[in-house]
Amino acid sequence: KRQIVSAIDYIIYLGRLKDGKRRVL
């Protein structure tokens, strides 16, 4: 956990909506 939180600053999570469109969620 210490390694991860020290190394990574941000997570950008993407998904597909029901209509197939891709969005930053």
PDB file of all heavy atoms in Angstrom:
ATOM      1  N   LYS A   1       0.823  -1.210   0.000  1.00  0.00           N
ATOM      2  CA  LYS A   1       0.000   0.000   0.000  1.00  0.00           C
ATOM      3  C   LYS A   1       0.856   1.259   0.000  1.00  0.00           C
ATOM      4  O   LYS A   1       0.549   2.233  -0.693  1.00  0.00           O
ATOM      5  CB  LYS A   1      -0.938  -0.012   1.203  1.00  0.00           C
ATOM      6  CG  LYS A   1      -2.063  -1.030   1.108  1.00  0.00           C
ATOM      7  CD  LYS A   1      -2.968  -0.968   2.326  1.00  0.00           C
ATOM      8  CE  LYS A   1      -4.140  -1.931   2.183  1.00  0.00           C
ATOM      9  NZ  LYS A   1      -5.052  -1.889   3.342  1.00  0.00           N
ATOM     10  N   ARG A   2       1.935   1.244   0.783  1.00  0.00           N
ATOM     11  CA  ARG A   2       2.815   2.411   0.827  1.00  0.00           C
ATOM     12  C   ARG A   2       3.458   2.661  -0.536  1.00  0.00           C
ATOM     13  O   ARG A   2       3.593   3.801  -0.975  1.00  0.00           O
ATOM     14  CB  ARG A   2       3.889   2.227   1.904  1.00  0.00           C
ATOM     15  CG  ARG A   2       3.373   2.390   3.338  1.00  0.00           C
ATOM     16  CD  ARG A   2       4.524   2.560   4.319  1.00  0.00           C
ATOM     17  NE  ARG A   2       5.408   1.390   4.342  1.00  0.00           N
ATOM     18  CZ  ARG A   2       5.222   0.333   5.135  1.00  0.00           C
ATOM     19  NH1 ARG A   2       4.175   0.292   5.958  1.00  0.00           N
ATOM     20  NH2 ARG A   2       6.071  -0.666   5.115  1.00  0.00           N
ATOM     21  N   GLN A   3       3.867   1.573  -1.194  1.00  0.00           N
ATOM     22  CA  GLN A   3       4.449   1.690  -2.530  1.00  0.00           C
ATOM     23  C   GLN A   3       3.459   2.318  -3.508  1.00  0.00           C
ATOM     24  O   GLN A   3       3.797   3.208  -4.289  1.00  0.00           O
ATOM     25  CB  GLN A   3       4.865   0.304  -3.050  1.00  0.00           C
ATOM     26  CG  GLN A   3       6.160  -0.240  -2.478  1.00  0.00           C
ATOM     27  CD  GLN A   3       7.366   0.273  -3.242  1.00  0.00           C
ATOM     28  OE1 GLN A   3       7.323   0.480  -4.447  1.00  0.00           O
ATOM     29  NE2 GLN A   3       8.454   0.498  -2.521  1.00  0.00           N
ATOM     30  N   ILE A   4       2.215   1.850  -3.462  1.00  0.00           N
ATOM     31  CA  ILE A   4       1.195   2.309  -4.407  1.00  0.00           C
ATOM     32  C   ILE A   4       0.858   3.776  -4.199  1.00  0.00           C
ATOM     33  O   ILE A   4       0.855   4.574  -5.144  1.00  0.00           O
ATOM     34  CB  ILE A   4      -0.074   1.435  -4.287  1.00  0.00           C
ATOM     35  CG1 ILE A   4       0.209   0.015  -4.792  1.00  0.00           C
ATOM     36  CG2 ILE A   4      -1.244   2.051  -5.059  1.00  0.00           C
ATOM     37  CD1 ILE A   4      -0.881  -0.985  -4.471  1.00  0.00           C
ATOM     38  N   VAL A   5       0.567   4.171  -2.955  1.00  0.00           N
ATOM     39  CA  VAL A   5       0.138   5.550  -2.705  1.00  0.00           C
ATOM     40  C   VAL A   5       1.288   6.535  -2.889  1.00  0.00           C
ATOM     41  O   VAL A   5       1.071   7.711  -3.223  1.00  0.00           O
ATOM     42  CB  VAL A   5      -0.484   5.677  -1.293  1.00  0.00           C
ATOM     43  CG1 VAL A   5       0.585   5.691  -0.212  1.00  0.00           C
ATOM     44  CG2 VAL A   5      -1.377   6.910  -1.212  1.00  0.00           C
ATOM     45  N   SER A   6       2.514   6.061  -2.705  1.00  0.00           N
ATOM     46  CA  SER A   6       3.667   6.921  -2.932  1.00  0.00           C
ATOM     47  C   SER A   6       3.939   7.116  -4.416  1.00  0.00           C
ATOM     48  O   SER A   6       4.388   8.190  -4.842  1.00  0.00           O
ATOM     49  CB  SER A   6       4.908   6.315  -2.251  1.00  0.00           C
ATOM     50  OG  SER A   6       6.060   7.058  -2.546  1.00  0.00           O
ATOM     51  N   ALA A   7       3.651   6.082  -5.212  1.00  0.00           N
ATOM     52  CA  ALA A   7       3.990   6.116  -6.642  1.00  0.00           C
ATOM     53  C   ALA A   7       2.912   6.754  -7.496  1.00  0.00           C
ATOM     54  O   ALA A   7       3.218   7.439  -8.479  1.00  0.00           O
ATOM     55  CB  ALA A   7       4.267   4.693  -7.142  1.00  0.00           C
ATOM     56  N   ILE A   8       1.650   6.506  -7.174  1.00  0.00           N
ATOM     57  CA  ILE A   8       0.545   6.901  -8.053  1.00  0.00           C
ATOM     58  C   ILE A   8      -0.219   8.067  -7.438  1.00  0.00           C
ATOM     59  O   ILE A   8      -0.615   8.026  -6.270  1.00  0.00           O
ATOM     60  CB  ILE A   8      -0.400   5.712  -8.304  1.00  0.00           C
ATOM     61  CG1 ILE A   8       0.381   4.595  -9.012  1.00  0.00           C
ATOM     62  CG2 ILE A   8      -1.599   6.128  -9.141  1.00  0.00           C
ATOM     63  CD1 ILE A   8      -0.336   3.283  -9.053  1.00  0.00           C
ATOM     64  N   ASP A   9      -0.437   9.081  -8.232  1.00  0.00           N
ATOM     65  CA  ASP A   9      -1.128  10.274  -7.756  1.00  0.00           C
ATOM     66  C   ASP A   9      -2.618  10.252  -8.084  1.00  0.00           C
ATOM     67  O   ASP A   9      -3.438  10.629  -7.247  1.00  0.00           O
ATOM     68  CB  ASP A   9      -0.489  11.521  -8.371  1.00  0.00           C
ATOM     69  CG  ASP A   9       0.971  11.671  -7.979  1.00  0.00           C
ATOM     70  OD1 ASP A   9       1.242  11.837  -6.784  1.00  0.00           O
ATOM     71  OD2 ASP A   9       1.835  11.598  -8.876  1.00  0.00           O
ATOM     72  N   TYR A  10      -2.961   9.821  -9.315  1.00  0.00           N
ATOM     73  CA  TYR A  10      -4.360   9.908  -9.749  1.00  0.00           C
ATOM     74  C   TYR A  10      -4.787   8.662 -10.531  1.00  0.00           C
ATOM     75  O   TYR A  10      -3.969   8.028 -11.211  1.00  0.00           O
ATOM     76  CB  TYR A  10      -4.591  11.153 -10.625  1.00  0.00           C
ATOM     77  CG  TYR A  10      -4.668  12.424  -9.825  1.00  0.00           C
ATOM     78  CD1 TYR A  10      -3.509  13.095  -9.453  1.00  0.00           C
ATOM     79  CD2 TYR A  10      -5.893  12.935  -9.406  1.00  0.00           C
ATOM     80  CE1 TYR A  10      -3.568  14.250  -8.686  1.00  0.00           C
ATOM     81  CE2 TYR A  10      -5.961  14.086  -8.636  1.00  0.00           C
ATOM     82  CZ  TYR A  10      -4.801  14.740  -8.282  1.00  0.00           C
ATOM     83  OH  TYR A  10      -4.870  15.878  -7.510  1.00  0.00           O
ATOM     84  N   ILE A  11      -6.058   8.347 -10.402  1.00  0.00           N
ATOM     85  CA  ILE A  11      -6.705   7.315 -11.212  1.00  0.00           C
ATOM     86  C   ILE A  11      -7.784   7.986 -12.061  1.00  0.00           C
ATOM     87  O   ILE A  11      -8.608   8.750 -11.545  1.00  0.00           O
ATOM     88  CB  ILE A  11      -7.344   6.220 -10.338  1.00  0.00           C
ATOM     89  CG1 ILE A  11      -6.258   5.398  -9.633  1.00  0.00           C
ATOM     90  CG2 ILE A  11      -8.236   5.298 -11.176  1.00  0.00           C
ATOM     91  CD1 ILE A  11      -6.808   4.435  -8.595  1.00  0.00           C
ATOM     92  N   ILE A  12      -7.747   7.712 -13.361  1.00  0.00           N
ATOM     93  CA  ILE A  12      -8.810   8.149 -14.264  1.00  0.00           C
ATOM     94  C   ILE A  12      -9.554   6.892 -14.692  1.00  0.00           C
ATOM     95  O   ILE A  12      -8.985   6.020 -15.358  1.00  0.00           O
ATOM     96  CB  ILE A  12      -8.253   8.886 -15.489  1.00  0.00           C
ATOM     97  CG1 ILE A  12      -7.468  10.129 -15.043  1.00  0.00           C
ATOM     98  CG2 ILE A  12      -9.384   9.283 -16.438  1.00  0.00           C
ATOM     99  CD1 ILE A  12      -6.782  10.865 -16.184  1.00  0.00           C
ATOM    100  N   TYR A  13     -10.817   6.784 -14.281  1.00  0.00           N
ATOM    101  CA  TYR A  13     -11.591   5.577 -14.567  1.00  0.00           C
ATOM    102  C   TYR A  13     -12.549   5.818 -15.729  1.00  0.00           C
ATOM    103  O   TYR A  13     -13.316   6.777 -15.741  1.00  0.00           O
ATOM    104  CB  TYR A  13     -12.381   5.139 -13.322  1.00  0.00           C
ATOM    105  CG  TYR A  13     -13.253   3.931 -13.591  1.00  0.00           C
ATOM    106  CD1 TYR A  13     -12.687   2.685 -13.823  1.00  0.00           C
ATOM    107  CD2 TYR A  13     -14.642   4.047 -13.649  1.00  0.00           C
ATOM    108  CE1 TYR A  13     -13.479   1.573 -14.098  1.00  0.00           C
ATOM    109  CE2 TYR A  13     -15.438   2.953 -13.925  1.00  0.00           C
ATOM    110  CZ  TYR A  13     -14.848   1.719 -14.142  1.00  0.00           C
ATOM    111  OH  TYR A  13     -15.631   0.624 -14.433  1.00  0.00           O
ATOM    112  N   LEU A  14     -12.496   4.922 -16.726  1.00  0.00           N
ATOM    113  CA  LEU A  14     -13.336   5.003 -17.919  1.00  0.00           C
ATOM    114  C   LEU A  14     -14.369   3.888 -17.922  1.00  0.00           C
ATOM    115  O   LEU A  14     -14.138   2.807 -17.362  1.00  0.00           O
ATOM    116  CB  LEU A  14     -12.485   4.887 -19.188  1.00  0.00           C
ATOM    117  CG  LEU A  14     -11.257   5.784 -19.317  1.00  0.00           C
ATOM    118  CD1 LEU A  14     -10.523   5.467 -20.612  1.00  0.00           C
ATOM    119  CD2 LEU A  14     -11.660   7.248 -19.286  1.00  0.00           C
ATOM    120  N   GLY A  15     -15.484   4.126 -18.563  1.00  0.00           N
ATOM    121  CA  GLY A  15     -16.513   3.096 -18.681  1.00  0.00           C
ATOM    122  C   GLY A  15     -17.331   3.293 -19.943  1.00  0.00           C
ATOM    123  O   GLY A  15     -17.241   4.321 -20.618  1.00  0.00           O
ATOM    124  N   ARG A  16     -18.124   2.274 -20.253  1.00  0.00           N
ATOM    125  CA  ARG A  16     -19.034   2.354 -21.398  1.00  0.00           C
ATOM    126  C   ARG A  16     -20.461   2.430 -20.890  1.00  0.00           C
ATOM    127  O   ARG A  16     -20.882   1.632 -20.045  1.00  0.00           O
ATOM    128  CB  ARG A  16     -18.878   1.140 -22.311  1.00  0.00           C
ATOM    129  CG  ARG A  16     -17.515   1.045 -22.951  1.00  0.00           C
ATOM    130  CD  ARG A  16     -17.456  -0.055 -23.988  1.00  0.00           C
ATOM    131  NE  ARG A  16     -18.230   0.290 -25.177  1.00  0.00           N
ATOM    132  CZ  ARG A  16     -18.196  -0.411 -26.294  1.00  0.00           C
ATOM    133  NH1 ARG A  16     -17.442  -1.496 -26.372  1.00  0.00           N
ATOM    134  NH2 ARG A  16     -18.912  -0.054 -27.335  1.00  0.00           N
ATOM    135  N   LEU A  17     -21.208   3.390 -21.410  1.00  0.00           N
ATOM    136  CA  LEU A  17     -22.605   3.533 -21.028  1.00  0.00           C
ATOM    137  C   LEU A  17     -23.454   2.504 -21.776  1.00  0.00           C
ATOM    138  O   LEU A  17     -22.970   1.784 -22.649  1.00  0.00           O
ATOM    139  CB  LEU A  17     -23.085   4.947 -21.342  1.00  0.00           C
ATOM    140  CG  LEU A  17     -22.249   6.095 -20.742  1.00  0.00           C
ATOM    141  CD1 LEU A  17     -22.879   7.437 -21.090  1.00  0.00           C
ATOM    142  CD2 LEU A  17     -22.095   5.937 -19.239  1.00  0.00           C
ATOM    143  N   LYS A  18     -24.724   2.431 -21.444  1.00  0.00           N
ATOM    144  CA  LYS A  18     -25.609   1.441 -22.069  1.00  0.00           C
ATOM    145  C   LYS A  18     -25.733   1.631 -23.574  1.00  0.00           C
ATOM    146  O   LYS A  18     -25.974   0.674 -24.306  1.00  0.00           O
ATOM    147  CB  LYS A  18     -26.998   1.500 -21.418  1.00  0.00           C
ATOM    148  CG  LYS A  18     -27.015   0.993 -19.977  1.00  0.00           C
ATOM    149  CD  LYS A  18     -28.422   1.035 -19.395  1.00  0.00           C
ATOM    150  CE  LYS A  18     -28.431   0.505 -17.966  1.00  0.00           C
ATOM    151  NZ  LYS A  18     -29.799   0.544 -17.382  1.00  0.00           N
ATOM    152  N   ASP A  19     -25.552   2.871 -24.036  1.00  0.00           N
ATOM    153  CA  ASP A  19     -25.639   3.132 -25.471  1.00  0.00           C
ATOM    154  C   ASP A  19     -24.313   2.891 -26.196  1.00  0.00           C
ATOM    155  O   ASP A  19     -24.179   3.169 -27.387  1.00  0.00           O
ATOM    156  CB  ASP A  19     -26.112   4.563 -25.730  1.00  0.00           C
ATOM    157  CG  ASP A  19     -25.184   5.614 -25.118  1.00  0.00           C
ATOM    158  OD1 ASP A  19     -24.121   5.243 -24.585  1.00  0.00           O
ATOM    159  OD2 ASP A  19     -25.536   6.809 -25.165  1.00  0.00           O
ATOM    160  N   GLY A  20     -23.319   2.363 -25.470  1.00  0.00           N
ATOM    161  CA  GLY A  20     -22.027   2.041 -26.074  1.00  0.00           C
ATOM    162  C   GLY A  20     -21.023   3.170 -26.049  1.00  0.00           C
ATOM    163  O   GLY A  20     -19.861   2.977 -26.419  1.00  0.00           O
ATOM    164  N   LYS A  21     -21.426   4.372 -25.611  1.00  0.00           N
ATOM    165  CA  LYS A  21     -20.510   5.509 -25.593  1.00  0.00           C
ATOM    166  C   LYS A  21     -19.516   5.379 -24.440  1.00  0.00           C
ATOM    167  O   LYS A  21     -19.877   4.963 -23.336  1.00  0.00           O
ATOM    168  CB  LYS A  21     -21.292   6.811 -25.467  1.00  0.00           C
ATOM    169  CG  LYS A  21     -22.163   7.118 -26.685  1.00  0.00           C
ATOM    170  CD  LYS A  21     -22.954   8.394 -26.495  1.00  0.00           C
ATOM    171  CE  LYS A  21     -23.823   8.684 -27.717  1.00  0.00           C
ATOM    172  NZ  LYS A  21     -24.672   9.887 -27.527  1.00  0.00           N
ATOM    173  N   ARG A  22     -18.277   5.754 -24.733  1.00  0.00           N
ATOM    174  CA  ARG A  22     -17.224   5.711 -23.709  1.00  0.00           C
ATOM    175  C   ARG A  22     -17.143   7.054 -23.003  1.00  0.00           C
ATOM    176  O   ARG A  22     -17.162   8.110 -23.642  1.00  0.00           O
ATOM    177  CB  ARG A  22     -15.880   5.356 -24.359  1.00  0.00           C
ATOM    178  CG  ARG A  22     -15.860   3.976 -25.016  1.00  0.00           C
ATOM    179  CD  ARG A  22     -14.566   3.767 -25.785  1.00  0.00           C
ATOM    180  NE  ARG A  22     -14.465   2.403 -26.290  1.00  0.00           N
ATOM    181  CZ  ARG A  22     -14.895   2.003 -27.471  1.00  0.00           C
ATOM    182  NH1 ARG A  22     -15.502   2.877 -28.270  1.00  0.00           N
ATOM    183  NH2 ARG A  22     -14.748   0.756 -27.864  1.00  0.00           N
ATOM    184  N   ARG A  23     -17.026   7.003 -21.685  1.00  0.00           N
ATOM    185  CA  ARG A  23     -16.993   8.228 -20.897  1.00  0.00           C
ATOM    186  C   ARG A  23     -15.983   8.119 -19.755  1.00  0.00           C
ATOM    187  O   ARG A  23     -15.737   7.016 -19.231  1.00  0.00           O
ATOM    188  CB  ARG A  23     -18.377   8.512 -20.285  1.00  0.00           C
ATOM    189  CG  ARG A  23     -19.461   8.849 -21.316  1.00  0.00           C
ATOM    190  CD  ARG A  23     -19.247  10.225 -21.893  1.00  0.00           C
ATOM    191  NE  ARG A  23     -20.302  10.630 -22.818  1.00  0.00           N
ATOM    192  CZ  ARG A  23     -20.237  10.478 -24.135  1.00  0.00           C
ATOM    193  NH1 ARG A  23     -19.174   9.903 -24.695  1.00  0.00           N
ATOM    194  NH2 ARG A  23     -21.216  10.906 -24.911  1.00  0.00           N
ATOM    195  N   VAL A  24     -15.397   9.257 -19.380  1.00  0.00           N
ATOM    196  CA  VAL A  24     -14.650   9.336 -18.120  1.00  0.00           C
ATOM    197  C   VAL A  24     -15.680   9.377 -17.005  1.00  0.00           C
ATOM    198  O   VAL A  24     -16.529  10.267 -16.966  1.00  0.00           O
ATOM    199  CB  VAL A  24     -13.758  10.588 -18.076  1.00  0.00           C
ATOM    200  CG1 VAL A  24     -13.141  10.747 -16.677  1.00  0.00           C
ATOM    201  CG2 VAL A  24     -12.665  10.510 -19.130  1.00  0.00           C
ATOM    202  N   LEU A  25     -15.613   8.396 -16.101  1.00  0.00           N
ATOM    203  CA  LEU A  25     -16.598   8.302 -15.027  1.00  0.00           C
ATOM    204  C   LEU A  25     -16.068   8.819 -13.693  1.00  0.00           C
ATOM    205  O   LEU A  25     -16.857   9.155 -12.812  1.00  0.00           O
ATOM    206  CB  LEU A  25     -17.060   6.850 -14.871  1.00  0.00           C
ATOM    207  CG  LEU A  25     -17.715   6.202 -16.104  1.00  0.00           C
ATOM    208  CD1 LEU A  25     -18.172   4.786 -15.779  1.00  0.00           C
ATOM    209  CD2 LEU A  25     -18.883   7.042 -16.606  1.00  0.00           C
TER     210      LEU A  25
END
